[in-house]
Amino acid sequence: MAHSQSLTASLYQQAQKAIDQPFSLTPALIAVIFLLVTSSAYQSYSKRQRLAPGIPIVGLDKNGSVKAARKRFIPDARGLLREGYEMAKGGLFYVPSPLGERLMLHPKYIEELKSAPIDKVDFVATFQEVRSRRQDHVIQLTNSWDADVRGEIHHYGQSLNAASSRRQSTRDLMPAIEEEILDSFADVWPECDDWTEVMVADKFTQLVGRVSSRMFGGTKLSQHKEWVNTTITFAVDGFIGAQKIKKYPHFLRPIAAKFIPEIAKIKNHYKLAHDLLIPMMKERKKTGETPMDLLQWMVENAKGEETAEQFIADVQLKVSFAAIHTSAAAPTQLIYDLCEMPEIIAPLREELKNALEKCDGHLTKQAFNMMPKMDSFLKESQRFNPLLLSTYPRHTPHHPSNLASVTMERLVHVDYPMSDGFVIPAHTSVGVATQAVSMDPKIYPDPEKFDAFRFAKLREVDPERAGKMQYASSNPQSMSFGFGRHACPGRFFAANEIKAIMAHVLTHYDFKFPEGQGRPPSLGVETQFLPNHEGRVLMKKRTQGL
């Protein structure tokens, strides 16, 4: 059990090492690389980036060099993006990165770019997909892994939100969520009969892994420890493998992949998914059982090649990894915020108590609607600690989406004219500095102040705009979940899952930082902004409840 409890913390440390330390090469690989690098093919591999004239570059030193800014981008992309946004007054600017200068756009361009032809505006995946094909498990590296995952999340994630006679509403899902939260806290969380130090990021990851698995495949998945661990480690192995392989030119990556253990592990994750999920699908087909979960929805709605059981199992694994790691980050940040600002706790508990009393003690849709302060607190915490610092619009022919849960870049292949006459040069990576937008004083007065109930008050002042002030809303002033019809499809489910977890914590625990400890700083890794997994919180069971 101790190994399981420290799983995500140790994985996080491994991921940090993958970023910070160079990947060591064997003599054989060094020899192969030497031969390839000196070949004429390498001379024509890369294309020089061409910058748009008149667009400022943030972070230049006194000599006009971008080298220092490129190095700074890895640990402090947040600072660079904020500086660039303020320098350009919300307009266009370039932010240097190790892979070149990224063009940050005004949100007005999102609508135009998201429907651009894929042969002109495409994606550069953060991760490299490792596919297992046939029985010999031939490993093929492509640049489509992230796009595939995000597209599938959008396509299949709609089942968590869309309403029909066959699908469950949030009201129907909540009893199972509440039950799984209770069971998960009993299994994962320490007893906390007295003040107990808890590494909350690690615990929340395991807990969200179980709750999400319950929604995706019922108790057979949520209570299957190896499956839950796989959905956690699959993401980290992908991240570490990607960080290591990105150190090589594209044409060397198929060779380098053979020497990266994390890439080899991905094959094992897929095998477990097949071994567990395919028999589940066969058993359901045999018995006629049609449970209300994502797996069943995928089986019933699959068409063409999507009907293959192995394909469905692969998608389940990808969707699970995305749901777990993004949803687990939020309650970690929220607990840190509450420990730093304990005056927020009492109003949240009072609101929660009143809502539960009017809803027979259950977290129904009506109960959530009666908790604007909770919703506002989540949104303000997200404004200060977004999972991503920038959003990249995307479009694919079959699975359009714009999830703010996985880092993406949009790469413009050709000179691409916008409606206002501005032309994006070919070979340019573009995005929107979403976190900088959320700190714009023209949009949010006194943006540097953490006002937990900022959005609840705005909803009272302007009821007609109340929808845009909600945690799961998506609009040009709030793009943490993406934007418009291409926003994260699972955000409503995730919002209720996070609120249910926080409701349990507020009801059953008191908490504070250990003496002398402040709020653990979030950790920036390029455009990703992650909760600190080393943070500890003292927790103690409440005897009186709310």
Protein backbone atom coordinates (compact mmCIF):
# COMPACT_ATOMS: atom_id res chain seq x y z
CA MET A 1 0.00 0.00 0.00
CA ALA A 2 2.90 2.34 0.75
CA HIS A 3 4.18 1.86 -2.79
CA SER A 4 0.78 2.74 -4.22
CA GLN A 5 0.46 5.83 -2.05
CA SER A 6 3.79 7.25 -3.24
CA LEU A 7 3.25 6.29 -6.88
CA THR A 8 2.40 9.64 -8.39
CA ALA A 9 4.96 11.50 -6.31
CA SER A 10 7.79 9.28 -7.53
CA LEU A 11 6.51 9.46 -11.10
CA TYR A 12 6.46 13.24 -10.89
CA GLN A 13 10.08 13.25 -9.72
CA GLN A 14 11.01 11.03 -12.67
CA ALA A 15 9.29 13.43 -15.03
CA GLN A 16 11.25 16.36 -13.60
CA LYS A 17 14.52 14.46 -14.11
CA ALA A 18 13.56 13.77 -17.71
CA ILE A 19 13.23 17.51 -18.27
CA ASP A 20 16.30 18.60 -16.32
CA GLN A 21 18.82 15.92 -17.24
CA PRO A 22 20.20 15.09 -20.68
CA PHE A 23 19.46 11.63 -21.99
CA SER A 24 22.57 9.44 -21.89
CA LEU A 25 23.49 7.56 -25.05
CA THR A 26 25.07 4.18 -25.53
CA PRO A 27 28.25 4.04 -27.66
CA ALA A 28 26.34 2.21 -30.39
CA LEU A 29 23.68 4.89 -30.56
CA ILE A 30 26.31 7.64 -30.57
CA ALA A 31 27.96 6.00 -33.57
CA VAL A 32 24.66 5.75 -35.45
CA ILE A 33 23.84 9.37 -34.67
CA PHE A 34 27.29 10.50 -35.87
CA LEU A 35 26.79 8.80 -39.22
CA LEU A 36 23.31 10.18 -39.69
CA VAL A 37 24.16 13.70 -38.61
CA THR A 38 26.94 13.90 -41.16
CA SER A 39 24.71 12.66 -43.96
CA SER A 40 23.43 15.02 -46.62
CA ALA A 41 19.87 14.20 -45.60
CA TYR A 42 20.38 16.00 -42.32
CA GLN A 43 21.53 19.13 -44.12
CA SER A 44 18.08 19.58 -45.65
CA TYR A 45 16.05 18.40 -42.65
CA SER A 46 15.13 21.64 -40.90
CA LYS A 47 13.49 24.76 -42.29
CA ARG A 48 14.43 28.19 -41.05
CA GLN A 49 11.69 30.12 -39.34
CA ARG A 50 10.65 33.43 -40.87
CA LEU A 51 9.27 36.06 -38.53
CA ALA A 52 6.45 38.43 -39.41
CA PRO A 53 7.79 41.98 -39.78
CA GLY A 54 6.92 44.49 -37.10
CA ILE A 55 5.89 41.94 -34.46
CA PRO A 56 7.82 42.43 -31.17
CA ILE A 57 9.75 39.61 -29.50
CA VAL A 58 9.56 39.43 -25.72
CA GLY A 59 12.63 38.77 -23.57
CA LEU A 60 15.40 40.05 -25.86
CA ASP A 61 18.63 40.96 -24.09
CA LYS A 62 20.42 44.30 -24.59
CA ASN A 63 22.09 42.91 -27.71
CA GLY A 64 18.79 41.80 -29.22
CA SER A 65 19.51 38.09 -28.71
CA VAL A 66 16.80 35.51 -27.93
CA LYS A 67 19.13 32.88 -26.42
CA ALA A 68 18.53 33.82 -22.79
CA ALA A 69 14.78 34.06 -23.33
CA ARG A 70 14.68 30.61 -24.93
CA LYS A 71 16.32 29.15 -21.83
CA ARG A 72 14.02 31.12 -19.57
CA PHE A 73 10.94 29.80 -21.38
CA ILE A 74 11.29 26.32 -19.85
CA PRO A 75 10.96 27.36 -16.17
CA ASP A 76 9.25 30.73 -16.61
CA ALA A 77 6.99 30.72 -19.66
CA ARG A 78 4.37 32.35 -17.42
CA GLY A 79 6.52 35.40 -16.84
CA LEU A 80 7.51 35.68 -20.48
CA LEU A 81 3.93 35.40 -21.71
CA ARG A 82 2.74 38.02 -19.23
CA GLU A 83 5.54 40.39 -20.26
CA GLY A 84 4.81 39.86 -23.93
CA TYR A 85 1.08 40.36 -23.53
CA GLU A 86 1.60 43.61 -21.61
CA MET A 87 4.28 44.80 -24.02
CA ALA A 88 2.02 44.19 -27.02
CA LYS A 89 -1.02 45.55 -25.16
CA GLY A 90 -2.96 42.38 -25.91
CA GLY A 91 -1.81 42.30 -29.53
CA LEU A 92 0.57 40.06 -31.45
CA PHE A 93 3.98 39.13 -30.07
CA TYR A 94 6.59 36.39 -30.32
CA VAL A 95 7.70 34.41 -27.30
CA PRO A 96 11.07 32.61 -27.67
CA SER A 97 11.17 28.89 -26.87
CA PRO A 98 13.74 26.12 -27.34
CA LEU A 99 11.90 25.10 -30.54
CA GLY A 100 11.79 28.60 -31.99
CA GLU A 101 9.74 31.74 -31.60
CA ARG A 102 6.03 31.10 -31.01
CA LEU A 103 3.57 33.67 -32.28
CA MET A 104 1.00 34.64 -29.67
CA LEU A 105 -2.25 35.78 -31.26
CA HIS A 106 -5.21 37.88 -30.19
CA PRO A 107 -8.22 35.66 -29.29
CA LYS A 108 -10.10 37.12 -32.26
CA TYR A 109 -8.06 34.91 -34.60
CA ILE A 110 -9.20 31.63 -32.99
CA GLU A 111 -12.41 31.37 -35.00
CA GLU A 112 -10.53 31.74 -38.28
CA LEU A 113 -7.72 29.30 -37.47
CA LYS A 114 -9.79 26.51 -35.99
CA SER A 115 -11.47 25.85 -39.35
CA ALA A 116 -8.33 26.22 -41.46
CA PRO A 117 -7.50 23.34 -43.84
CA ILE A 118 -5.33 20.76 -42.10
CA ASP A 119 -2.82 20.76 -44.96
CA LYS A 120 -2.18 24.45 -44.30
CA VAL A 121 -2.50 24.64 -40.52
CA ASP A 122 -1.62 21.47 -38.60
CA PHE A 123 -0.45 20.24 -35.20
CA VAL A 124 2.86 19.49 -33.56
CA ALA A 125 2.17 16.95 -30.84
CA THR A 126 3.81 17.32 -27.43
CA PHE A 127 3.93 13.58 -27.09
CA GLN A 128 5.00 10.95 -29.57
CA GLU A 129 2.59 8.11 -30.09
CA VAL A 130 3.86 4.60 -29.68
CA ARG A 131 1.59 2.25 -31.50
CA SER A 132 1.57 -1.52 -31.12
CA ARG A 133 0.69 -3.15 -34.39
CA ARG A 134 -0.11 -6.84 -34.91
CA GLN A 135 1.40 -9.45 -32.60
CA ASP A 136 5.01 -8.42 -33.11
CA HIS A 137 4.34 -5.04 -31.45
CA VAL A 138 6.20 -3.07 -34.08
CA ILE A 139 6.89 0.37 -32.59
CA GLN A 140 6.08 3.30 -34.81
CA LEU A 141 6.66 6.88 -33.77
CA THR A 142 4.36 9.47 -35.27
CA ASN A 143 3.53 13.10 -34.58
CA SER A 144 -0.18 12.38 -34.22
CA TRP A 145 -0.43 10.95 -30.70
CA ASP A 146 -1.63 14.10 -29.01
CA ALA A 147 -4.00 15.02 -31.82
CA ASP A 148 -5.42 11.49 -31.78
CA VAL A 149 -5.96 11.56 -28.02
CA ARG A 150 -7.57 14.97 -28.03
CA GLY A 151 -9.79 14.13 -30.95
CA GLU A 152 -10.96 10.93 -29.34
CA ILE A 153 -11.56 12.68 -26.03
CA HIS A 154 -13.76 15.20 -27.82
CA HIS A 155 -15.62 12.59 -29.84
CA TYR A 156 -16.28 10.17 -27.00
CA GLY A 157 -16.31 12.71 -24.20
CA GLN A 158 -19.56 14.13 -25.53
CA SER A 159 -21.35 11.19 -23.90
CA LEU A 160 -20.62 12.73 -20.52
CA ASN A 161 -22.45 15.92 -21.44
CA ALA A 162 -25.03 15.35 -24.13
CA ALA A 163 -28.56 14.54 -22.99
CA SER A 164 -30.72 11.88 -24.57
CA SER A 165 -33.04 9.12 -23.42
CA ARG A 166 -30.18 6.63 -23.57
CA ARG A 167 -27.55 8.71 -21.77
CA GLN A 168 -27.40 9.65 -18.13
CA SER A 169 -27.76 13.19 -16.94
CA THR A 170 -25.47 14.69 -14.31
CA ARG A 171 -28.22 14.02 -11.78
CA ASP A 172 -28.13 10.30 -12.61
CA LEU A 173 -24.34 10.15 -12.49
CA MET A 174 -23.90 11.82 -9.12
CA PRO A 175 -24.98 8.93 -6.85
CA ALA A 176 -22.27 6.72 -8.36
CA ILE A 177 -19.73 9.55 -8.11
CA GLU A 178 -20.59 10.18 -4.46
CA GLU A 179 -20.36 6.47 -3.67
CA GLU A 180 -16.98 6.12 -5.38
CA ILE A 181 -15.65 9.20 -3.59
CA LEU A 182 -16.63 7.71 -0.22
CA ASP A 183 -15.04 4.35 -1.06
CA SER A 184 -11.92 5.97 -2.49
CA PHE A 185 -11.32 8.20 0.51
CA ALA A 186 -11.67 5.14 2.76
CA ASP A 187 -9.10 3.21 0.71
CA VAL A 188 -6.66 5.94 -0.35
CA TRP A 189 -6.69 8.60 2.35
CA PRO A 190 -4.95 8.22 5.74
CA GLU A 191 -7.19 7.83 8.78
CA CYS A 192 -6.47 11.37 10.01
CA ASP A 193 -7.99 10.76 13.46
CA ASP A 194 -5.42 13.30 14.64
CA TRP A 195 -3.48 15.87 12.60
CA THR A 196 -1.81 13.86 9.84
CA GLU A 197 0.57 15.03 7.13
CA VAL A 198 -0.80 14.22 3.67
CA MET A 199 0.79 14.59 0.25
CA VAL A 200 -2.47 15.73 -1.30
CA ALA A 201 -1.40 15.81 -4.96
CA ASP A 202 -0.52 12.13 -4.82
CA LYS A 203 -3.75 11.22 -3.04
CA PHE A 204 -6.01 13.25 -5.31
CA THR A 205 -4.47 11.64 -8.40
CA GLN A 206 -5.30 8.18 -7.08
CA LEU A 207 -8.76 9.26 -5.96
CA VAL A 208 -9.65 10.91 -9.28
CA GLY A 209 -8.30 7.86 -11.05
CA ARG A 210 -10.88 5.74 -9.30
CA VAL A 211 -13.79 8.15 -9.70
CA SER A 212 -13.11 8.63 -13.40
CA SER A 213 -12.73 4.88 -13.91
CA ARG A 214 -16.14 4.39 -12.28
CA MET A 215 -17.73 6.65 -14.87
CA PHE A 216 -15.79 5.10 -17.74
CA GLY A 217 -16.29 1.41 -16.98
CA GLY A 218 -18.08 0.87 -13.65
CA THR A 219 -16.74 -0.73 -10.51
CA LYS A 220 -14.80 -3.37 -12.47
CA LEU A 221 -12.43 -0.59 -13.48
CA SER A 222 -12.57 1.66 -10.41
CA GLN A 223 -11.76 -1.23 -8.06
CA HIS A 224 -9.07 -2.71 -10.31
CA LYS A 225 -5.86 -1.34 -8.75
CA GLU A 226 -3.63 -2.30 -11.67
CA TRP A 227 -5.94 -0.49 -14.11
CA VAL A 228 -6.03 2.68 -12.00
CA ASN A 229 -2.24 2.65 -11.65
CA THR A 230 -1.89 2.12 -15.40
CA THR A 231 -4.08 5.12 -16.21
CA ILE A 232 -1.79 7.19 -13.97
CA THR A 233 1.57 5.85 -15.17
CA PHE A 234 0.54 5.78 -18.85
CA ALA A 235 0.46 9.58 -18.90
CA VAL A 236 3.75 9.98 -17.04
CA ASP A 237 5.55 7.41 -19.20
CA GLY A 238 4.27 9.26 -22.25
CA PHE A 239 5.46 12.58 -20.83
CA ILE A 240 8.91 11.29 -19.83
CA GLY A 241 9.32 9.44 -23.12
CA ALA A 242 8.35 12.57 -25.03
CA GLN A 243 10.76 14.78 -23.07
CA LYS A 244 13.60 12.36 -23.78
CA ILE A 245 12.86 11.81 -27.44
CA LYS A 246 12.31 15.51 -28.15
CA LYS A 247 16.05 15.95 -27.58
CA TYR A 248 16.64 14.33 -30.99
CA PRO A 249 15.84 15.45 -34.53
CA HIS A 250 12.69 13.85 -35.95
CA PHE A 251 14.58 11.52 -38.30
CA LEU A 252 16.58 10.05 -35.39
CA ARG A 253 13.63 9.41 -33.11
CA PRO A 254 12.73 5.88 -34.35
CA ILE A 255 16.27 4.81 -33.42
CA ALA A 256 16.42 6.69 -30.13
CA ALA A 257 13.04 5.24 -29.13
CA LYS A 258 14.56 1.77 -28.85
CA PHE A 259 16.77 3.02 -26.01
CA ILE A 260 14.09 4.81 -24.02
CA PRO A 261 12.48 2.48 -21.42
CA GLU A 262 9.38 4.62 -20.92
CA ILE A 263 8.42 4.17 -24.56
CA ALA A 264 8.71 0.41 -24.18
CA LYS A 265 6.42 0.59 -21.13
CA ILE A 266 3.63 2.17 -23.16
CA LYS A 267 3.19 -1.14 -24.99
CA ASN A 268 2.51 -2.83 -21.64
CA HIS A 269 -0.12 -0.23 -20.77
CA TYR A 270 -1.98 -0.97 -23.98
CA LYS A 271 -1.73 -4.72 -23.30
CA LEU A 272 -3.37 -4.31 -19.91
CA ALA A 273 -6.15 -2.26 -21.48
CA HIS A 274 -6.77 -5.02 -24.02
CA ASP A 275 -6.60 -7.83 -21.44
CA LEU A 276 -9.07 -6.09 -19.14
CA LEU A 277 -11.49 -4.25 -21.41
CA ILE A 278 -11.94 -6.66 -24.31
CA PRO A 279 -13.27 -9.46 -22.03
CA MET A 280 -15.58 -6.90 -20.41
CA MET A 281 -17.02 -5.97 -23.80
CA LYS A 282 -17.42 -9.60 -24.80
CA GLU A 283 -19.17 -10.43 -21.51
CA ARG A 284 -21.58 -7.51 -21.91
CA LYS A 285 -22.41 -8.59 -25.44
CA LYS A 286 -23.03 -12.15 -24.25
CA THR A 287 -25.28 -11.23 -21.32
CA GLY A 288 -26.97 -8.23 -22.91
CA GLU A 289 -25.88 -6.00 -20.05
CA THR A 290 -25.93 -2.31 -21.00
CA PRO A 291 -24.55 -0.31 -18.06
CA MET A 292 -24.51 3.46 -18.23
CA ASP A 293 -20.82 4.25 -18.66
CA LEU A 294 -18.46 5.57 -21.31
CA LEU A 295 -17.32 2.11 -22.41
CA GLN A 296 -20.87 1.05 -23.22
CA TRP A 297 -21.61 4.32 -24.97
CA MET A 298 -18.54 3.84 -27.17
CA VAL A 299 -19.57 0.30 -28.05
CA GLU A 300 -23.09 1.38 -28.98
CA ASN A 301 -22.03 4.40 -31.03
CA ALA A 302 -18.92 3.05 -32.76
CA LYS A 303 -18.95 2.94 -36.55
CA GLY A 304 -16.64 1.33 -39.09
CA GLU A 305 -13.16 0.66 -37.75
CA GLU A 306 -14.22 2.14 -34.41
CA THR A 307 -16.19 -1.04 -33.66
CA ALA A 308 -12.97 -3.03 -33.19
CA GLU A 309 -12.67 -3.95 -29.51
CA GLN A 310 -8.94 -3.23 -29.48
CA PHE A 311 -9.61 0.25 -30.87
CA ILE A 312 -12.18 0.96 -28.15
CA ALA A 313 -9.81 -0.31 -25.45
CA ASP A 314 -7.05 1.97 -26.74
CA VAL A 315 -9.35 5.00 -26.67
CA GLN A 316 -10.47 4.19 -23.12
CA LEU A 317 -6.87 4.27 -21.94
CA LYS A 318 -6.19 7.60 -23.65
CA VAL A 319 -9.36 9.24 -22.36
CA SER A 320 -8.68 7.96 -18.85
CA PHE A 321 -5.21 9.43 -18.71
CA ALA A 322 -6.43 12.86 -19.84
CA ALA A 323 -9.35 12.91 -17.42
CA ILE A 324 -7.31 11.84 -14.40
CA HIS A 325 -4.33 14.13 -14.54
CA THR A 326 -6.24 17.27 -15.44
CA SER A 327 -9.02 16.74 -12.88
CA ALA A 328 -6.57 15.82 -10.09
CA ALA A 329 -4.63 19.06 -10.51
CA ALA A 330 -7.62 21.23 -9.56
CA PRO A 331 -8.41 19.93 -6.02
CA THR A 332 -4.70 20.01 -5.22
CA GLN A 333 -4.52 23.71 -6.08
CA LEU A 334 -7.81 24.35 -4.25
CA ILE A 335 -6.59 22.77 -1.01
CA TYR A 336 -3.40 24.83 -1.21
CA ASP A 337 -5.51 27.97 -1.70
CA LEU A 338 -7.76 27.18 1.27
CA CYS A 339 -4.80 26.54 3.54
CA GLU A 340 -3.30 29.86 2.49
CA MET A 341 -6.62 31.73 2.83
CA PRO A 342 -8.59 29.89 5.55
CA GLU A 343 -11.16 32.70 5.75
CA ILE A 344 -12.70 31.23 2.58
CA ILE A 345 -13.56 27.93 4.26
CA ALA A 346 -16.47 29.00 6.48
CA PRO A 347 -18.53 30.66 3.67
CA LEU A 348 -18.03 27.60 1.48
CA ARG A 349 -19.14 25.24 4.23
CA GLU A 350 -22.20 27.35 4.98
CA GLU A 351 -23.21 27.41 1.31
CA LEU A 352 -22.65 23.66 1.00
CA LYS A 353 -24.70 22.96 4.14
CA ASN A 354 -27.65 25.03 2.89
CA ALA A 355 -27.58 23.35 -0.52
CA LEU A 356 -27.48 19.83 0.93
CA GLU A 357 -30.30 20.57 3.38
CA LYS A 358 -32.54 21.58 0.47
CA CYS A 359 -31.56 18.55 -1.63
CA ASP A 360 -32.03 15.70 0.86
CA GLY A 361 -28.32 15.55 1.61
CA HIS A 362 -27.28 14.72 -1.95
CA LEU A 363 -25.18 16.57 -4.51
CA THR A 364 -27.81 16.90 -7.20
CA LYS A 365 -27.76 19.28 -10.15
CA GLN A 366 -29.97 21.58 -8.10
CA ALA A 367 -27.47 21.49 -5.23
CA PHE A 368 -24.62 22.49 -7.54
CA ASN A 369 -26.70 25.37 -8.89
CA MET A 370 -27.13 26.59 -5.32
CA MET A 371 -23.36 26.86 -4.76
CA PRO A 372 -22.20 29.94 -6.73
CA LYS A 373 -19.46 30.64 -4.19
CA MET A 374 -17.96 27.20 -4.66
CA ASP A 375 -18.13 27.62 -8.43
CA SER A 376 -16.53 31.08 -8.18
CA PHE A 377 -13.74 29.79 -5.94
CA LEU A 378 -12.89 27.08 -8.46
CA LYS A 379 -12.80 29.60 -11.30
CA GLU A 380 -10.63 32.11 -9.41
CA SER A 381 -8.19 29.37 -8.43
CA GLN A 382 -8.05 28.28 -12.07
CA ARG A 383 -7.38 31.90 -13.11
CA PHE A 384 -4.27 31.98 -10.93
CA ASN A 385 -3.20 28.37 -11.51
CA PRO A 386 -4.28 27.21 -14.97
CA LEU A 387 -3.04 23.85 -16.14
CA LEU A 388 -1.88 25.54 -19.34
CA LEU A 389 -0.60 29.05 -19.80
CA SER A 390 -1.61 29.21 -23.45
CA THR A 391 -4.30 27.72 -25.65
CA TYR A 392 -3.79 26.44 -29.14
CA PRO A 393 -6.86 26.19 -31.39
CA ARG A 394 -7.21 22.96 -33.30
CA HIS A 395 -9.35 21.23 -35.88
CA THR A 396 -9.37 17.76 -37.37
CA PRO A 397 -11.72 16.51 -40.05
CA HIS A 398 -13.48 14.00 -37.77
CA HIS A 399 -12.80 15.11 -34.22
CA PRO A 400 -12.71 18.89 -33.78
CA SER A 401 -11.82 20.03 -30.29
CA ASN A 402 -9.84 22.51 -28.28
CA LEU A 403 -9.08 20.93 -24.93
CA ALA A 404 -7.00 22.96 -22.55
CA SER A 405 -5.84 19.71 -20.93
CA VAL A 406 -3.01 18.67 -23.17
CA THR A 407 -0.38 21.06 -24.50
CA MET A 408 -0.74 21.54 -28.24
CA GLU A 409 0.77 23.80 -30.84
CA ARG A 410 -0.67 24.80 -34.13
CA LEU A 411 1.84 24.88 -36.93
CA VAL A 412 1.14 27.02 -39.98
CA HIS A 413 2.67 25.30 -43.04
CA VAL A 414 2.14 28.07 -45.56
CA ASP A 415 1.86 31.84 -45.53
CA TYR A 416 -1.68 32.14 -44.14
CA PRO A 417 -3.62 35.41 -44.57
CA MET A 418 -6.11 36.50 -41.92
CA SER A 419 -9.25 38.50 -42.60
CA ASP A 420 -7.69 41.75 -41.36
CA GLY A 421 -4.76 41.46 -43.78
CA PHE A 422 -2.16 40.09 -41.36
CA VAL A 423 -0.25 37.15 -42.83
CA ILE A 424 1.11 34.40 -40.56
CA PRO A 425 4.45 33.27 -42.05
CA ALA A 426 4.90 29.63 -42.99
CA HIS A 427 6.46 27.29 -40.40
CA THR A 428 5.11 29.37 -37.49
CA SER A 429 3.82 27.89 -34.23
CA VAL A 430 0.87 29.93 -32.96
CA GLY A 431 -1.24 30.13 -29.80
CA VAL A 432 -3.07 32.45 -27.41
CA ALA A 433 -1.62 33.57 -24.06
CA THR A 434 -4.75 32.59 -22.14
CA GLN A 435 -3.35 33.04 -18.63
CA ALA A 436 -2.08 36.50 -19.50
CA VAL A 437 -5.54 37.35 -20.86
CA SER A 438 -7.09 36.30 -17.54
CA MET A 439 -4.78 38.75 -15.73
CA ASP A 440 -5.73 41.73 -17.91
CA PRO A 441 -7.06 44.58 -15.69
CA LYS A 442 -9.32 45.68 -18.54
CA ILE A 443 -11.13 42.36 -18.21
CA TYR A 444 -10.84 41.66 -14.48
CA PRO A 445 -10.39 44.66 -12.14
CA ASP A 446 -7.56 44.27 -9.64
CA PRO A 447 -6.45 41.03 -11.33
CA GLU A 448 -3.49 40.37 -9.02
CA LYS A 449 -5.83 40.03 -6.03
CA PHE A 450 -7.17 36.55 -5.32
CA ASP A 451 -10.88 37.18 -4.80
CA ALA A 452 -12.47 33.79 -4.16
CA PHE A 453 -16.00 35.05 -4.76
CA ARG A 454 -15.17 37.40 -7.64
CA PHE A 455 -17.34 35.56 -10.15
CA ALA A 456 -20.23 34.99 -7.74
CA LYS A 457 -20.41 38.76 -7.24
CA LEU A 458 -20.20 39.40 -10.98
CA ARG A 459 -23.11 36.99 -11.51
CA GLU A 460 -25.19 38.98 -9.02
CA VAL A 461 -24.34 42.32 -10.61
CA ASP A 462 -25.01 41.14 -14.17
CA PRO A 463 -27.38 38.12 -14.20
CA GLU A 464 -27.55 38.15 -18.00
CA ARG A 465 -23.84 37.28 -18.14
CA ALA A 466 -24.02 34.72 -15.33
CA GLY A 467 -23.37 31.83 -17.68
CA LYS A 468 -20.05 33.32 -18.78
CA MET A 469 -18.95 33.60 -15.16
CA GLN A 470 -19.30 29.91 -14.36
CA TYR A 471 -16.32 27.63 -13.79
CA ALA A 472 -16.99 25.47 -16.85
CA SER A 473 -17.71 28.41 -19.16
CA SER A 474 -15.72 28.96 -22.33
CA ASN A 475 -15.33 32.41 -23.87
CA PRO A 476 -12.54 34.74 -25.10
CA GLN A 477 -12.03 36.09 -21.55
CA SER A 478 -11.88 32.63 -19.99
CA MET A 479 -10.16 29.98 -22.12
CA SER A 480 -8.75 27.57 -19.56
CA PHE A 481 -11.10 24.90 -20.94
CA GLY A 482 -10.55 25.97 -24.53
CA PHE A 483 -12.94 28.08 -26.54
CA GLY A 484 -16.41 27.92 -28.05
CA ARG A 485 -17.83 24.80 -29.64
CA HIS A 486 -14.34 23.33 -29.64
CA ALA A 487 -13.93 23.65 -25.87
CA CYS A 488 -13.20 20.68 -23.60
CA PRO A 489 -16.17 18.32 -23.93
CA GLY A 490 -15.69 16.81 -20.48
CA ARG A 491 -15.54 20.08 -18.57
CA PHE A 492 -19.05 19.85 -17.10
CA PHE A 493 -18.46 16.35 -15.78
CA ALA A 494 -15.02 17.38 -14.49
CA ALA A 495 -16.48 20.45 -12.77
CA ASN A 496 -19.03 18.37 -10.88
CA GLU A 497 -16.45 15.72 -10.04
CA ILE A 498 -14.11 18.36 -8.57
CA LYS A 499 -16.93 20.05 -6.65
CA ALA A 500 -18.04 16.70 -5.21
CA ILE A 501 -14.49 15.96 -4.05
CA MET A 502 -14.16 19.39 -2.45
CA ALA A 503 -17.57 19.00 -0.80
CA HIS A 504 -16.36 15.77 0.81
CA VAL A 505 -13.14 17.39 2.03
CA LEU A 506 -14.95 20.41 3.46
CA THR A 507 -17.52 18.20 5.18
CA HIS A 508 -15.20 15.62 6.70
CA TYR A 509 -11.81 17.28 7.28
CA ASP A 510 -10.09 20.26 8.80
CA PHE A 511 -6.81 21.15 7.15
CA LYS A 512 -3.88 23.54 7.36
CA PHE A 513 -0.27 23.85 6.29
CA PRO A 514 2.42 22.43 8.60
CA GLU A 515 3.94 25.11 10.79
CA GLY A 516 6.36 27.26 8.84
CA GLN A 517 5.17 26.09 5.41
CA GLY A 518 3.53 28.44 2.93
CA ARG A 519 1.66 27.64 -0.26
CA PRO A 520 3.79 25.28 -2.37
CA PRO A 521 4.59 27.16 -5.59
CA SER A 522 3.17 25.79 -8.82
CA LEU A 523 5.81 24.45 -11.16
CA GLY A 524 6.18 25.71 -14.69
CA VAL A 525 7.39 23.40 -17.45
CA GLU A 526 7.19 25.45 -20.63
CA THR A 527 3.46 26.24 -21.07
CA GLN A 528 2.34 23.67 -18.52
CA PHE A 529 1.65 24.96 -15.00
CA LEU A 530 1.54 22.08 -12.55
CA PRO A 531 0.59 21.79 -8.88
CA ASN A 532 3.52 21.08 -6.61
CA HIS A 533 3.55 17.35 -5.84
CA GLU A 534 5.89 17.82 -2.90
CA GLY A 535 3.40 19.97 -0.98
CA ARG A 536 2.12 18.62 2.32
CA VAL A 537 -1.07 19.46 4.19
CA LEU A 538 -2.04 18.59 7.77
CA MET A 539 -5.51 17.05 7.86
CA LYS A 540 -7.80 15.92 10.67
CA LYS A 541 -11.24 14.35 10.58
CA ARG A 542 -14.12 16.56 11.62
CA THR A 543 -16.45 15.01 14.17
CA GLN A 544 -19.33 17.45 13.70
CA GLY A 545 -19.54 17.48 9.89
CA LEU A 546 -20.82 20.74 8.44
